Amino acid sequence: MTDLLAAGRALFDDLAADHLGRPHVTMGRMFASDGLAVRGKIFAFVGRDGRLVLKLPLARAEELKERGVAEPVTLGGRTMREWVGVPLPDPQPGPWSGLMEEAHAYVADLAERR
């Protein structure tokens, strides 16, 4: 495990503890990583490079990329439209905590509408 991955995983685990106490939030697997899911839908996980990967509304994802806060996420040669990667912050927790809240709210809303 790389230093960035270990540091990202440690920060994620700290932040995830709060989410796991909420209704319908569990740990799940996505792209060989453990992540947070609401009603079975993943909303946040740590990628192999230590970035926090989040599902957000398309407009918010684009805004974060334009501001340089987040980067596009490409999986299997395809850029994922609503997924962004946020580098490990310094100092911690930086933007990760608030962005995880946004991702949780967004995916919870999507899951509830189904």
C-alpha atoms as a PDB file:
ATOM      1  CA  MET A   1       0.000   0.000   0.000  1.00  0.00           C
ATOM      2  CA  THR A   2       1.396   3.401  -0.961  1.00  0.00           C
ATOM      3  CA  ASP A   3       1.774   6.218   1.558  1.00  0.00           C
ATOM      4  CA  LEU A   4      -0.910   8.290  -0.228  1.00  0.00           C
ATOM      5  CA  LEU A   5      -3.332   5.385  -0.259  1.00  0.00           C
ATOM      6  CA  ALA A   6      -2.703   4.632   3.420  1.00  0.00           C
ATOM      7  CA  ALA A   7      -3.151   8.300   4.389  1.00  0.00           C
ATOM      8  CA  GLY A   8      -6.292   8.624   2.248  1.00  0.00           C
ATOM      9  CA  ARG A   9      -7.733   5.438   3.681  1.00  0.00           C
ATOM     10  CA  ALA A  10      -7.054   6.577   7.267  1.00  0.00           C
ATOM     11  CA  LEU A  11      -8.776   9.933   6.704  1.00  0.00           C
ATOM     12  CA  PHE A  12     -11.675   8.254   4.910  1.00  0.00           C
ATOM     13  CA  ASP A  13     -12.139   5.763   7.745  1.00  0.00           C
ATOM     14  CA  ASP A  14     -12.238   8.604  10.305  1.00  0.00           C
ATOM     15  CA  LEU A  15     -14.847  10.528   8.301  1.00  0.00           C
ATOM     16  CA  ALA A  16     -16.825   7.383   7.436  1.00  0.00           C
ATOM     17  CA  ALA A  17     -17.441   6.590  11.108  1.00  0.00           C
ATOM     18  CA  ASP A  18     -19.947   9.463  11.318  1.00  0.00           C
ATOM     19  CA  HIS A  19     -21.800   8.364   8.186  1.00  0.00           C
ATOM     20  CA  LEU A  20     -22.063   4.737   9.292  1.00  0.00           C
ATOM     21  CA  GLY A  21     -24.252   5.788  12.207  1.00  0.00           C
ATOM     22  CA  ARG A  22     -26.878   7.197   9.844  1.00  0.00           C
ATOM     23  CA  PRO A  23     -29.948   5.379   8.532  1.00  0.00           C
ATOM     24  CA  HIS A  24     -29.410   3.153   5.477  1.00  0.00           C
ATOM     25  CA  VAL A  25     -25.625   3.823   5.299  1.00  0.00           C
ATOM     26  CA  THR A  26     -23.348   0.807   5.007  1.00  0.00           C
ATOM     27  CA  MET A  27     -19.952  -0.123   3.633  1.00  0.00           C
ATOM     28  CA  GLY A  28     -19.934  -1.564   0.137  1.00  0.00           C
ATOM     29  CA  ARG A  29     -17.446  -2.443  -2.624  1.00  0.00           C
ATOM     30  CA  MET A  30     -16.781  -0.471  -5.765  1.00  0.00           C
ATOM     31  CA  PHE A  31     -13.828  -0.892  -8.108  1.00  0.00           C
ATOM     32  CA  ALA A  32     -11.982  -3.112  -5.596  1.00  0.00           C
ATOM     33  CA  SER A  33     -12.314  -0.482  -2.835  1.00  0.00           C
ATOM     34  CA  ASP A  34     -14.453  -0.334   0.269  1.00  0.00           C
ATOM     35  CA  GLY A  35     -16.758   2.659   0.183  1.00  0.00           C
ATOM     36  CA  LEU A  36     -19.782   4.242   1.744  1.00  0.00           C
ATOM     37  CA  ALA A  37     -23.193   3.362   0.354  1.00  0.00           C
ATOM     38  CA  VAL A  38     -26.670   4.630   1.070  1.00  0.00           C
ATOM     39  CA  ARG A  39     -29.472   2.174   0.295  1.00  0.00           C
ATOM     40  CA  GLY A  40     -26.868   0.079  -1.527  1.00  0.00           C
ATOM     41  CA  LYS A  41     -25.633   2.906  -3.799  1.00  0.00           C
ATOM     42  CA  ILE A  42     -21.971   3.912  -3.362  1.00  0.00           C
ATOM     43  CA  PHE A  43     -21.359   7.618  -2.822  1.00  0.00           C
ATOM     44  CA  ALA A  44     -17.722   7.772  -1.633  1.00  0.00           C
ATOM     45  CA  PHE A  45     -14.577   5.632  -1.667  1.00  0.00           C
ATOM     46  CA  VAL A  46     -10.806   6.020  -1.776  1.00  0.00           C
ATOM     47  CA  GLY A  47      -9.172   5.277  -5.098  1.00  0.00           C
ATOM     48  CA  ARG A  48      -5.879   3.429  -5.526  1.00  0.00           C
ATOM     49  CA  ASP A  49      -4.067   6.789  -5.737  1.00  0.00           C
ATOM     50  CA  GLY A  50      -5.377   7.962  -2.343  1.00  0.00           C
ATOM     51  CA  ARG A  51      -7.950  10.383  -3.771  1.00  0.00           C
ATOM     52  CA  LEU A  52     -11.450  10.571  -2.344  1.00  0.00           C
ATOM     53  CA  VAL A  53     -13.823   9.561  -5.136  1.00  0.00           C
ATOM     54  CA  LEU A  54     -17.353  10.965  -4.847  1.00  0.00           C
ATOM     55  CA  LYS A  55     -20.628  10.936  -6.765  1.00  0.00           C
ATOM     56  CA  LEU A  56     -22.074  14.452  -7.022  1.00  0.00           C
ATOM     57  CA  PRO A  57     -24.605  16.235  -9.224  1.00  0.00           C
ATOM     58  CA  LEU A  58     -23.083  16.911 -12.647  1.00  0.00           C
ATOM     59  CA  ALA A  59     -23.139  20.723 -12.254  1.00  0.00           C
ATOM     60  CA  ARG A  60     -21.382  20.500  -8.870  1.00  0.00           C
ATOM     61  CA  ALA A  61     -18.812  18.031 -10.226  1.00  0.00           C
ATOM     62  CA  GLU A  62     -18.042  20.373 -13.129  1.00  0.00           C
ATOM     63  CA  GLU A  63     -17.743  23.364 -10.784  1.00  0.00           C
ATOM     64  CA  LEU A  64     -15.265  21.551  -8.528  1.00  0.00           C
ATOM     65  CA  LYS A  65     -13.171  20.511 -11.538  1.00  0.00           C
ATOM     66  CA  GLU A  66     -13.163  24.067 -12.926  1.00  0.00           C
ATOM     67  CA  ARG A  67     -12.020  25.435  -9.537  1.00  0.00           C
ATOM     68  CA  GLY A  68      -9.227  22.859  -9.359  1.00  0.00           C
ATOM     69  CA  VAL A  69     -10.641  21.256  -6.199  1.00  0.00           C
ATOM     70  CA  ALA A  70     -11.426  17.966  -7.937  1.00  0.00           C
ATOM     71  CA  GLU A  71     -10.229  15.968 -10.906  1.00  0.00           C
ATOM     72  CA  PRO A  72     -12.100  13.835 -13.437  1.00  0.00           C
ATOM     73  CA  VAL A  73     -12.413  10.111 -12.677  1.00  0.00           C
ATOM     74  CA  THR A  74     -11.710   7.706 -15.528  1.00  0.00           C
ATOM     75  CA  LEU A  75     -12.552   4.035 -15.121  1.00  0.00           C
ATOM     76  CA  GLY A  76     -12.044   1.477 -17.843  1.00  0.00           C
ATOM     77  CA  GLY A  77     -11.094   4.227 -20.300  1.00  0.00           C
ATOM     78  CA  ARG A  78     -14.354   6.084 -19.705  1.00  0.00           C
ATOM     79  CA  THR A  79     -14.624   9.408 -17.864  1.00  0.00           C
ATOM     80  CA  MET A  80     -17.400   9.170 -15.299  1.00  0.00           C
ATOM     81  CA  ARG A  81     -19.631  12.254 -15.523  1.00  0.00           C
ATOM     82  CA  GLU A  82     -20.874  12.558 -11.938  1.00  0.00           C
ATOM     83  CA  TRP A  83     -17.770  11.161 -10.237  1.00  0.00           C
ATOM     84  CA  VAL A  84     -14.839  13.314  -9.127  1.00  0.00           C
ATOM     85  CA  GLY A  85     -11.544  12.601  -7.394  1.00  0.00           C
ATOM     86  CA  VAL A  86     -10.410  14.939  -4.621  1.00  0.00           C
ATOM     87  CA  PRO A  87      -6.712  14.777  -3.694  1.00  0.00           C
ATOM     88  CA  LEU A  88      -5.657  14.145  -0.115  1.00  0.00           C
ATOM     89  CA  PRO A  89      -5.932  17.521   1.640  1.00  0.00           C
ATOM     90  CA  ASP A  90      -3.265  19.243   3.680  1.00  0.00           C
ATOM     91  CA  PRO A  91      -4.199  20.135   6.360  1.00  0.00           C
ATOM     92  CA  GLN A  92      -6.683  17.376   6.959  1.00  0.00           C
ATOM     93  CA  PRO A  93      -9.645  16.962   6.668  1.00  0.00           C
ATOM     94  CA  GLY A  94      -9.763  19.903   4.218  1.00  0.00           C
ATOM     95  CA  PRO A  95     -12.721  19.705   1.842  1.00  0.00           C
ATOM     96  CA  TRP A  96     -13.271  15.953   2.209  1.00  0.00           C
ATOM     97  CA  SER A  97     -15.742  16.181   5.092  1.00  0.00           C
ATOM     98  CA  GLY A  98     -18.104  18.672   3.437  1.00  0.00           C
ATOM     99  CA  LEU A  99     -17.911  16.971   0.049  1.00  0.00           C
ATOM    100  CA  MET A 100     -18.729  13.592   1.608  1.00  0.00           C
ATOM    101  CA  GLU A 101     -21.818  15.237   3.127  1.00  0.00           C
ATOM    102  CA  GLU A 102     -22.835  16.538  -0.310  1.00  0.00           C
ATOM    103  CA  ALA A 103     -22.295  13.140  -1.937  1.00  0.00           C
ATOM    104  CA  HIS A 104     -24.275  11.398   0.794  1.00  0.00           C
ATOM    105  CA  ALA A 105     -27.207  13.803   0.427  1.00  0.00           C
ATOM    106  CA  TYR A 106     -27.182  13.519  -3.372  1.00  0.00           C
ATOM    107  CA  VAL A 107     -27.096   9.717  -3.537  1.00  0.00           C
ATOM    108  CA  ALA A 108     -29.593   9.360  -0.678  1.00  0.00           C
ATOM    109  CA  ASP A 109     -31.998  11.526  -2.658  1.00  0.00           C
ATOM    110  CA  LEU A 110     -31.422   9.495  -5.832  1.00  0.00           C
ATOM    111  CA  ALA A 111     -31.915   6.204  -3.971  1.00  0.00           C
ATOM    112  CA  GLU A 112     -35.092   7.401  -2.298  1.00  0.00           C
ATOM    113  CA  ARG A 113     -36.661   8.418  -5.628  1.00  0.00           C
ATOM    114  CA  ARG A 114     -36.256   4.887  -7.019  1.00  0.00           C
END
